[in-house]
Protein backbone atom coordinates (compact mmCIF):
# COMPACT_ATOMS: atom_id res chain seq x y z
CA MET A 1 85.42 -14.55 32.04
CA ASN A 2 88.80 -12.82 32.00
CA VAL A 3 90.05 -12.69 35.60
CA LEU A 4 93.12 -10.85 36.92
CA ILE A 5 94.56 -12.12 40.23
CA VAL A 6 96.52 -9.52 42.22
CA ASP A 7 98.39 -10.89 45.26
CA ASP A 8 101.98 -10.77 46.48
CA GLU A 9 101.87 -14.46 47.51
CA LEU A 10 102.98 -16.72 44.65
CA GLY A 11 101.30 -19.77 46.21
CA LEU A 12 97.90 -18.07 46.41
CA ARG A 13 98.15 -16.80 42.83
CA HIS A 14 98.94 -20.35 41.69
CA THR A 15 96.06 -21.87 43.69
CA LEU A 16 93.50 -19.37 42.39
CA THR A 17 94.73 -19.90 38.83
CA LEU A 18 94.15 -23.66 39.14
CA ILE A 19 90.65 -23.17 40.64
CA LEU A 20 89.54 -20.68 38.01
CA THR A 21 91.02 -22.31 34.92
CA ALA A 22 89.37 -25.61 35.94
CA GLU A 23 86.04 -23.73 35.66
CA GLY A 24 86.92 -22.45 32.18
CA HIS A 25 87.98 -18.90 33.09
CA GLU A 26 90.93 -17.10 31.51
CA THR A 27 93.35 -15.89 34.17
CA ARG A 28 96.28 -13.51 34.48
CA SER A 29 98.18 -12.60 37.61
CA ALA A 30 100.22 -9.73 39.04
CA SER A 31 102.38 -9.67 42.16
CA ASP A 32 101.70 -6.00 43.02
CA ALA A 33 99.13 -3.26 42.43
CA GLU A 34 101.28 -1.10 40.12
CA SER A 35 101.88 -4.03 37.75
CA ALA A 36 98.17 -4.81 37.80
CA LEU A 37 97.25 -1.25 36.87
CA ARG A 38 99.64 -1.35 33.91
CA MET A 39 98.19 -4.67 32.74
CA LEU A 40 94.62 -3.39 33.01
CA ALA A 41 95.50 -0.20 31.11
CA GLU A 42 96.60 -2.37 28.19
CA ASP A 43 93.82 -4.96 28.40
CA ASP A 44 90.98 -4.58 30.90
CA ALA A 45 89.52 -7.61 32.71
CA ASP A 46 86.00 -8.73 33.54
CA VAL A 47 86.82 -9.45 37.20
CA VAL A 48 89.79 -8.53 39.44
CA LEU A 49 90.59 -10.58 42.56
CA CYS A 50 92.80 -8.28 44.64
CA ASP A 51 94.51 -8.74 48.00
CA VAL A 52 94.34 -5.87 50.49
CA ARG A 53 97.75 -6.13 52.21
CA MET A 54 100.55 -5.82 49.63
CA PRO A 55 103.95 -4.07 49.57
CA GLY A 56 103.82 -0.60 48.03
CA LEU A 57 100.35 0.38 46.87
CA ASP A 58 97.82 -1.60 48.89
CA GLY A 59 94.54 -3.08 47.67
CA LEU A 60 92.35 -0.10 48.56
CA GLY A 61 94.83 2.23 46.91
CA PHE A 62 94.67 0.02 43.82
CA LEU A 63 90.87 0.18 43.93
CA ASP A 64 90.88 3.99 44.07
CA ARG A 65 93.40 4.30 41.22
CA TYR A 66 91.57 1.76 39.06
CA ARG A 67 88.23 3.49 39.47
CA GLU A 68 89.82 6.88 38.70
CA SER A 69 91.08 5.40 35.41
CA ASN A 70 87.49 4.42 34.50
CA GLY A 71 88.18 0.69 34.81
CA ARG A 72 85.09 -1.41 34.09
CA ALA A 73 85.96 -4.70 35.82
CA LEU A 74 84.22 -5.94 38.96
CA VAL A 75 86.78 -5.83 41.79
CA ILE A 76 86.59 -8.47 44.53
CA MET A 77 88.81 -7.76 47.54
CA MET A 78 90.56 -10.51 49.58
CA SER A 79 92.02 -10.15 53.07
CA ALA A 80 92.94 -12.17 56.14
CA TYR A 81 92.55 -9.06 58.34
CA GLY A 82 89.13 -7.88 57.29
CA ASP A 83 86.02 -7.30 59.31
CA ASP A 84 82.52 -6.08 58.48
CA GLU A 85 83.51 -2.41 58.76
CA PHE A 86 86.47 -2.90 56.44
CA ALA A 87 84.33 -4.79 53.90
CA LEU A 88 81.73 -2.00 53.98
CA ASP A 89 84.44 0.61 53.33
CA ALA A 90 85.73 -1.41 50.36
CA MET A 91 82.20 -1.59 48.93
CA LYS A 92 81.73 2.17 49.30
CA ARG A 93 84.94 2.71 47.36
CA GLY A 94 83.70 0.61 44.46
CA ALA A 95 84.46 -3.04 45.27
CA TYR A 96 81.87 -5.57 44.12
CA ASP A 97 82.41 -8.04 46.98
CA PHE A 98 84.78 -9.08 49.76
CA ILE A 99 86.21 -12.55 50.48
CA PRO A 100 87.88 -13.18 53.87
CA LYS A 101 90.99 -15.37 53.93
CA PRO A 102 91.40 -18.26 54.23
CA PHE A 103 88.68 -19.33 51.82
CA ARG A 104 87.51 -22.53 50.17
CA ALA A 105 87.42 -23.05 46.42
CA ASP A 106 83.59 -23.16 46.41
CA GLN A 107 83.45 -19.77 48.16
CA VAL A 108 85.52 -18.14 45.44
CA LEU A 109 83.53 -19.80 42.66
CA LEU A 110 80.20 -18.77 44.24
CA VAL A 111 81.24 -15.12 44.46
CA LEU A 112 82.55 -15.29 40.91
CA ARG A 113 79.31 -16.81 39.61
CA LYS A 114 77.36 -13.98 41.24
CA ALA A 115 79.72 -11.51 39.59
CA ILE A 116 79.22 -13.18 36.19
CA GLU A 117 75.43 -12.99 36.57
CA ARG A 118 75.59 -9.33 37.52
CA GLU A 119 77.95 -8.51 34.65
CA GLY A 120 75.72 -10.35 32.19
CA LEU A 121 72.68 -8.43 33.43
CA ARG A 122 74.57 -5.13 33.21
CA ARG A 123 75.57 -5.84 29.62
CA GLU A 124 71.99 -6.77 28.67
CA VAL A 125 70.69 -3.53 30.19
CA GLN A 126 73.36 -1.51 28.39
CA GLN A 127 72.58 -3.24 25.10
CA LEU A 128 68.87 -2.50 25.49
CA HIS A 129 69.68 1.09 26.41
CA ASP A 130 71.82 1.45 23.29
CA GLU A 131 69.17 -0.12 21.04
CA ILE A 132 66.45 2.16 22.40
CA ALA A 133 68.73 5.19 22.03
CA ALA A 134 69.50 4.20 18.43
CA LEU A 135 65.77 4.08 17.63
CA ARG A 136 65.07 7.44 19.27
CA ALA A 137 66.33 10.40 17.27
CA PRO A 138 68.42 12.71 19.48
CA ASN A 139 66.59 15.88 20.38
CA GLY A 140 67.22 18.44 17.64
CA ILE A 141 69.81 16.34 15.77
CA VAL A 142 68.36 15.44 12.38
CA GLY A 143 69.94 13.52 9.51
CA HIS A 144 70.93 10.07 8.33
CA SER A 145 74.30 10.79 6.69
CA ALA A 146 77.16 8.48 7.64
CA ALA A 147 79.29 11.36 8.97
CA LEU A 148 76.53 12.60 11.30
CA GLN A 149 75.64 9.10 12.51
CA GLN A 150 79.30 8.45 13.28
CA ALA A 151 79.40 11.60 15.45
CA ILE A 152 76.20 10.54 17.24
CA THR A 153 77.52 7.02 17.89
CA LEU A 154 80.79 8.37 19.29
CA SER A 155 78.87 10.86 21.46
CA ARG A 156 76.76 8.12 23.02
CA LYS A 157 79.81 5.95 23.59
CA VAL A 158 81.84 8.63 25.34
CA ALA A 159 78.80 9.76 27.35
CA ARG A 160 79.23 6.78 29.70
CA HIS A 161 82.65 8.02 30.84
CA PRO A 162 83.66 11.32 32.51
CA SER A 163 86.42 12.05 29.97
CA THR A 164 86.71 15.60 28.63
CA VAL A 165 85.33 16.00 25.09
CA LEU A 166 86.30 18.54 22.43
CA ILE A 167 83.67 19.10 19.72
CA THR A 168 85.01 20.75 16.57
CA GLY A 169 83.14 22.09 13.57
CA GLU A 170 82.12 25.24 11.77
CA SER A 171 79.80 27.77 13.37
CA GLY A 172 76.19 26.66 13.16
CA SER A 173 76.97 22.96 12.62
CA GLY A 174 75.26 21.81 15.85
CA LYS A 175 78.05 21.53 18.41
CA GLU A 176 75.81 22.41 21.37
CA LEU A 177 73.27 19.78 20.30
CA ILE A 178 76.02 17.15 20.41
CA ALA A 179 77.11 18.40 23.84
CA THR A 180 73.49 18.13 25.04
CA LEU A 181 73.25 14.61 23.62
CA ILE A 182 76.38 13.57 25.55
CA HIS A 183 74.96 15.00 28.77
CA GLU A 184 71.52 13.42 28.31
CA SER A 185 73.08 10.02 27.51
CA SER A 186 75.37 10.13 30.56
CA PRO A 187 74.90 9.15 34.21
CA ARG A 188 74.70 12.91 34.89
CA ALA A 189 71.55 13.35 32.81
CA LYS A 190 69.39 14.42 35.78
CA ALA A 191 71.97 16.97 36.97
CA PRO A 192 72.42 20.49 35.50
CA PHE A 193 73.64 21.13 31.96
CA VAL A 194 75.20 24.61 31.91
CA ALA A 195 76.35 26.17 28.64
CA VAL A 196 78.41 29.33 28.10
CA ASN A 197 79.89 30.91 24.98
CA CYS A 198 83.40 32.02 25.91
CA GLY A 199 83.48 34.51 23.05
CA ALA A 200 80.19 36.20 23.92
CA ILE A 201 81.17 37.51 27.38
CA PRO A 202 83.56 40.47 27.87
CA GLU A 203 86.99 39.34 29.08
CA GLN A 204 86.75 41.35 32.32
CA LEU A 205 83.51 39.54 33.26
CA LEU A 206 84.33 36.05 32.06
CA GLU A 207 86.40 35.00 35.08
CA SER A 208 83.60 35.99 37.46
CA GLU A 209 81.09 34.21 35.23
CA LEU A 210 83.06 30.96 35.32
CA PHE A 211 84.40 30.93 38.88
CA GLY A 212 82.20 33.41 40.78
CA HIS A 213 83.32 36.20 43.11
CA ALA A 214 83.31 37.15 46.77
CA ARG A 215 81.49 40.19 48.09
CA GLY A 216 83.56 43.32 47.54
CA ALA A 217 86.03 41.56 45.22
CA PHE A 218 85.70 44.43 42.75
CA THR A 219 83.58 47.51 42.12
CA GLY A 220 79.97 46.43 41.76
CA ALA A 221 80.41 43.10 43.56
CA VAL A 222 77.85 43.94 46.26
CA ASP A 223 77.07 40.27 46.92
CA GLN A 224 78.97 37.03 46.66
CA ARG A 225 78.14 34.98 43.58
CA SER A 226 78.77 31.40 42.56
CA GLY A 227 80.19 30.77 39.10
CA LEU A 228 79.09 28.41 36.35
CA PHE A 229 81.41 25.66 37.60
CA GLU A 230 79.54 25.61 40.89
CA GLU A 231 76.15 25.84 39.15
CA ALA A 232 77.07 22.79 37.07
CA ASN A 233 78.26 20.79 40.11
CA GLY A 234 77.30 17.14 39.64
CA GLY A 235 76.44 17.78 36.00
CA THR A 236 78.01 19.05 32.79
CA LEU A 237 79.59 22.38 31.88
CA PHE A 238 79.70 23.16 28.15
CA LEU A 239 82.32 25.75 27.19
CA ASP A 240 81.52 26.80 23.63
CA GLU A 241 84.17 28.59 21.54
CA ILE A 242 86.90 27.77 24.03
CA GLY A 243 89.41 29.06 21.48
CA GLU A 244 88.23 32.59 22.40
CA LEU A 245 89.29 32.17 26.03
CA PRO A 246 91.98 34.72 27.08
CA VAL A 247 95.36 33.19 27.93
CA ALA A 248 95.19 34.35 31.56
CA LEU A 249 91.91 32.48 32.04
CA GLN A 250 93.27 29.42 30.26
CA VAL A 251 95.67 28.94 33.19
CA LYS A 252 92.80 29.06 35.72
CA LEU A 253 90.64 26.75 33.66
CA LEU A 254 93.48 24.23 33.44
CA ARG A 255 93.91 24.33 37.22
CA ALA A 256 90.18 23.78 37.73
CA LEU A 257 90.20 20.78 35.39
CA GLN A 258 93.29 19.24 36.99
CA GLU A 259 92.38 19.77 40.63
CA GLY A 260 88.58 19.67 40.56
CA GLU A 261 88.54 22.92 42.51
CA VAL A 262 87.59 26.53 41.79
CA ARG A 263 88.41 29.70 43.63
CA ARG A 264 86.05 32.67 43.52
CA ILE A 265 87.58 36.06 42.76
CA GLY A 266 88.56 37.66 46.05
CA ASP A 267 88.16 34.43 47.99
CA ASN A 268 91.09 32.38 49.32
CA THR A 269 89.03 29.26 49.97
CA PRO A 270 88.97 26.69 47.13
CA ARG A 271 85.68 24.93 46.47
CA THR A 272 85.52 21.34 45.28
CA VAL A 273 83.38 20.75 42.20
CA ASP A 274 82.37 17.57 40.39
CA VAL A 275 81.85 18.75 36.82
CA ARG A 276 82.08 16.96 33.48
CA VAL A 277 83.50 19.52 31.02
CA ILE A 278 82.69 19.49 27.31
CA THR A 279 84.31 22.10 25.09
CA ALA A 280 83.72 23.19 21.51
CA THR A 281 85.46 25.41 18.98
CA SER A 282 85.23 26.49 15.36
CA ARG A 283 88.94 27.37 15.42
CA ASP A 284 91.89 25.12 14.58
CA LEU A 285 93.30 24.77 18.10
CA GLU A 286 96.51 23.09 16.89
CA THR A 287 97.24 26.25 14.88
CA GLU A 288 96.31 28.40 17.88
CA VAL A 289 98.77 26.43 20.05
CA LYS A 290 101.59 26.90 17.52
CA ALA A 291 100.82 30.63 17.39
CA GLY A 292 100.98 30.88 21.18
CA ARG A 293 97.35 31.93 21.53
CA PHE A 294 96.22 28.70 23.20
CA ARG A 295 98.12 26.79 25.88
CA ALA A 296 99.38 23.38 24.82
CA ASP A 297 98.76 21.85 28.26
CA LEU A 298 95.14 23.00 28.22
CA PHE A 299 94.72 21.69 24.68
CA TYR A 300 95.86 18.23 25.72
CA ARG A 301 93.57 18.36 28.74
CA VAL A 302 90.40 19.21 26.75
CA ASN A 303 91.27 17.13 23.67
CA VAL A 304 90.92 13.71 25.34
CA VAL A 305 88.11 12.67 22.97
CA ARG A 306 87.44 14.70 19.83
CA ILE A 307 84.16 14.67 17.92
CA GLN A 308 84.29 16.33 14.49
CA LEU A 309 81.01 17.66 13.10
CA PRO A 310 80.92 17.91 9.30
CA PRO A 311 79.60 21.12 7.69
CA LEU A 312 76.19 20.90 6.03
CA ARG A 313 77.68 21.16 2.52
CA GLU A 314 79.45 17.83 3.17
CA ARG A 315 76.24 16.06 4.18
CA ARG A 316 73.71 17.41 1.68
CA GLU A 317 71.69 14.19 1.91
CA ASP A 318 70.52 15.49 5.32
CA ILE A 319 68.97 18.68 3.89
CA PRO A 320 65.53 17.15 3.02
CA ASP A 321 65.30 15.66 6.54
CA LEU A 322 66.23 19.00 8.08
CA VAL A 323 63.71 20.86 5.91
CA ARG A 324 60.91 18.51 7.00
CA HIS A 325 62.01 18.94 10.62
CA PHE A 326 61.96 22.75 10.44
CA VAL A 327 58.60 22.75 8.64
CA SER A 328 57.15 20.78 11.55
CA VAL A 329 58.84 23.00 14.16
CA PHE A 330 57.73 26.33 12.67
CA ASN A 331 54.23 25.13 11.88
CA ARG A 332 53.76 24.50 15.60
CA ARG A 333 55.62 27.60 16.73
CA LEU A 334 54.09 30.09 14.29
CA GLY A 335 50.66 28.53 13.77
CA LEU A 336 51.29 27.83 10.07
CA ARG A 337 50.12 25.00 7.79
CA ILE A 338 53.00 24.63 5.36
CA THR A 339 53.33 21.10 3.96
CA GLY A 340 56.83 21.39 2.46
CA THR A 341 58.69 22.90 -0.49
CA THR A 342 58.24 22.77 -4.24
CA PRO A 343 60.75 20.63 -6.19
CA ALA A 344 62.37 23.77 -7.62
CA ALA A 345 62.83 25.27 -4.13
CA MET A 346 64.28 22.00 -2.81
CA ARG A 347 66.79 21.93 -5.69
CA LEU A 348 68.02 25.39 -4.69
CA LEU A 349 68.26 24.37 -1.03
CA MET A 350 70.25 21.27 -2.00
CA ASP A 351 72.67 23.22 -4.22
CA TYR A 352 73.33 26.16 -1.90
CA PRO A 353 76.71 25.90 -0.06
CA TRP A 354 75.31 26.85 3.39
CA PRO A 355 78.24 28.79 4.87
CA GLY A 356 76.18 29.22 8.06
CA ASN A 357 75.37 25.50 8.19
CA VAL A 358 72.24 24.18 9.94
CA ARG A 359 71.67 27.46 11.78
CA GLU A 360 71.44 29.29 8.43
CA LEU A 361 69.05 26.68 7.02
CA GLU A 362 66.85 27.07 10.10
CA ASN A 363 66.78 30.84 9.59
CA VAL A 364 65.98 30.47 5.87
CA MET A 365 63.13 28.05 6.54
CA GLU A 366 61.51 30.28 9.16
CA ARG A 367 61.71 33.32 6.87
CA SER A 368 60.46 31.42 3.82
CA MET A 369 57.54 29.84 5.67
CA VAL A 370 56.43 33.23 6.97
CA LEU A 371 56.42 34.59 3.41
CA ALA A 372 54.70 31.59 1.81
CA GLU A 373 50.99 32.08 1.06
CA GLY A 374 50.15 28.63 -0.25
CA PRO A 375 50.85 25.18 1.17
CA ASN A 376 54.46 25.05 -0.08
CA VAL A 377 57.60 27.15 0.14
CA ASP A 378 58.46 28.13 -3.43
CA VAL A 379 61.53 29.67 -5.06
CA GLU A 380 60.21 33.22 -4.70
CA HIS A 381 59.99 32.80 -0.92
CA LEU A 382 63.68 31.93 -0.55
CA PRO A 383 66.30 34.63 0.16
CA VAL A 384 68.01 36.09 -2.88
CA SER A 385 71.33 34.59 -1.70
CA VAL A 386 69.86 31.09 -1.88
CA GLN A 387 68.20 31.82 -5.21
CA ARG A 388 71.51 33.00 -6.64
CA GLY A 389 73.43 30.05 -5.20
CA THR A 390 72.98 28.11 -8.46
CA SER A 391 72.04 30.90 -10.86
CA ALA A 392 75.25 30.40 -12.83
CA ALA A 393 74.58 26.72 -13.36
CA ALA A 394 72.73 25.43 -16.40
CA PRO A 395 69.14 24.61 -15.43
CA ASP A 396 67.50 21.26 -16.11
CA ALA A 397 65.39 21.11 -19.25
CA SER A 398 62.47 20.23 -16.99
CA ASP A 399 63.13 23.17 -14.66
CA ASP A 400 60.80 26.11 -15.36
CA LEU A 401 62.76 28.33 -12.94
CA ASP A 402 62.41 32.03 -13.82
CA LEU A 403 65.90 33.56 -13.63
CA SER A 404 64.81 37.18 -14.10
CA VAL A 405 66.11 39.17 -11.13
CA LYS A 406 63.63 41.96 -11.85
CA ARG A 407 60.58 39.68 -11.88
CA ARG A 408 61.84 37.78 -8.85
CA THR A 409 62.37 41.01 -6.90
CA GLU A 410 58.92 42.28 -7.81
CA ALA A 411 57.32 38.99 -6.77
CA LEU A 412 59.11 39.04 -3.43
CA GLU A 413 58.18 42.69 -2.82
CA ARG A 414 54.52 42.02 -3.66
CA SER A 415 54.48 38.99 -1.34
CA LEU A 416 55.96 41.00 1.54
CA ILE A 417 53.40 43.80 1.12
CA GLU A 418 50.52 41.32 1.03
CA ARG A 419 51.84 39.66 4.16
CA ALA A 420 52.23 42.95 6.02
CA LEU A 421 48.72 44.11 5.07
CA LYS A 422 47.28 40.79 6.19
CA GLN A 423 49.18 40.93 9.49
CA THR A 424 47.93 44.48 10.21
CA SER A 425 44.36 43.79 9.04
CA GLY A 426 44.78 46.30 6.19
CA ASN A 427 46.19 49.14 8.35
CA ARG A 428 48.55 50.77 5.83
CA THR A 429 50.33 52.99 8.35
CA ARG A 430 51.35 50.01 10.50
CA ALA A 431 52.16 47.95 7.40
CA ALA A 432 54.50 50.68 6.18
CA ARG A 433 56.37 50.58 9.50
CA LEU A 434 56.71 46.78 9.26
CA LEU A 435 58.02 47.04 5.71
CA ASP A 436 60.40 49.89 6.56
CA LEU A 437 58.77 52.07 3.87
CA SER A 438 57.28 55.53 3.94
CA HIS A 439 53.49 55.67 3.90
CA ARG A 440 53.58 57.38 0.51
CA ALA A 441 55.88 54.72 -0.98
CA LEU A 442 53.62 51.95 0.25
CA LEU A 443 50.52 53.56 -1.31
CA TYR A 444 52.40 53.83 -4.60
CA LYS A 445 53.41 50.15 -4.55
CA ILE A 446 49.93 49.01 -3.54
CA LYS A 447 48.61 50.78 -6.63
CA GLU A 448 51.45 49.47 -8.81
CA TYR A 449 50.80 45.85 -7.85
CA GLY A 450 47.01 46.18 -7.98
CA LEU A 451 46.52 45.43 -4.28
CA GLU A 452 43.91 48.09 -3.63
């Protein structure tokens, strides 16, 4: 075990070093709390033996600072002035154990052995948790590409800590799913997960939405209302498209992140909140900072850990997995029995650039499955944009794809009319409304396609 000894008495540091090294432990020592914190920031320890009474920052102050920095070591406090009440207070503040001075060598070694056993058990539990999580596909996140798996691994790793996370990626690439994964993999998993799109709420309402308002704070504020920060207390607040946040609100968000407090509009009383904040953006925030549209101090605050999601066109190997996933989802949701896609349809799906990413693929699959009559989604069921995505490319010799726009359009039109008639049990007036056609035009097309 790597043990750090923190005590202002040189003799005690030397004695503990001899005791611990004789048992095979690696030891370091610091004469004050500030030096210890700097050492731990560079290289964390497994166990810290820390005196309570020291010049400058005392042992309990060290304990508070170390825990705030997300230190992982087990901290054992030592004091010649302690009593049961003091030991209990130290435990509440995060200490693993308490040793009263003076102590014998066997007392120290016994406490340390207990700490080693606990740390070993904690690591085994964490390893099992990670292995189970690796076997269980994250809810809604589908794909085996290296880029996606790297993002998932980083998400699970950062989930254990309260650090602020910035998720970047194009619109529709799955940023909220990653935020949900972080929340569900964190110690806050049973607490609320609250999501808000900063670009979807009018600027004049966004401050009230985030921070709440007091009664009478503005016209229409007939009752007091808590904001999303308060609703997410104890859990996670996901601020999507944070790059859309007005500059005036950026200042208030920064203050809330720094101080852990929010102030409702029209209320002078700050309210303490314990919220883990995850943000996301499809914008280049560095460019926004240079242009003066996004505050640099807020950028540094939210960009503690960054997770970059690749666009779908850069992980095409995930498209077949996603297609199978959406087929399963929409079969259950819509009561369909589609088994998959034809090879020709899959080739088009693989070659299309997907500017709308996974969200666009989801939309295409729902639409295509609704239109499909047989067991498979075929080329004619895909949107024209997807069909044309590779129309300029030379087809395979084995590909019997019909590139006639006229015949494709007619086939799609016929399929839509058949579907509408089936959905309305042959009621042509209702079918015409569904198809956005006049009743006369529908009768003409029914005759033209021989659907009478």
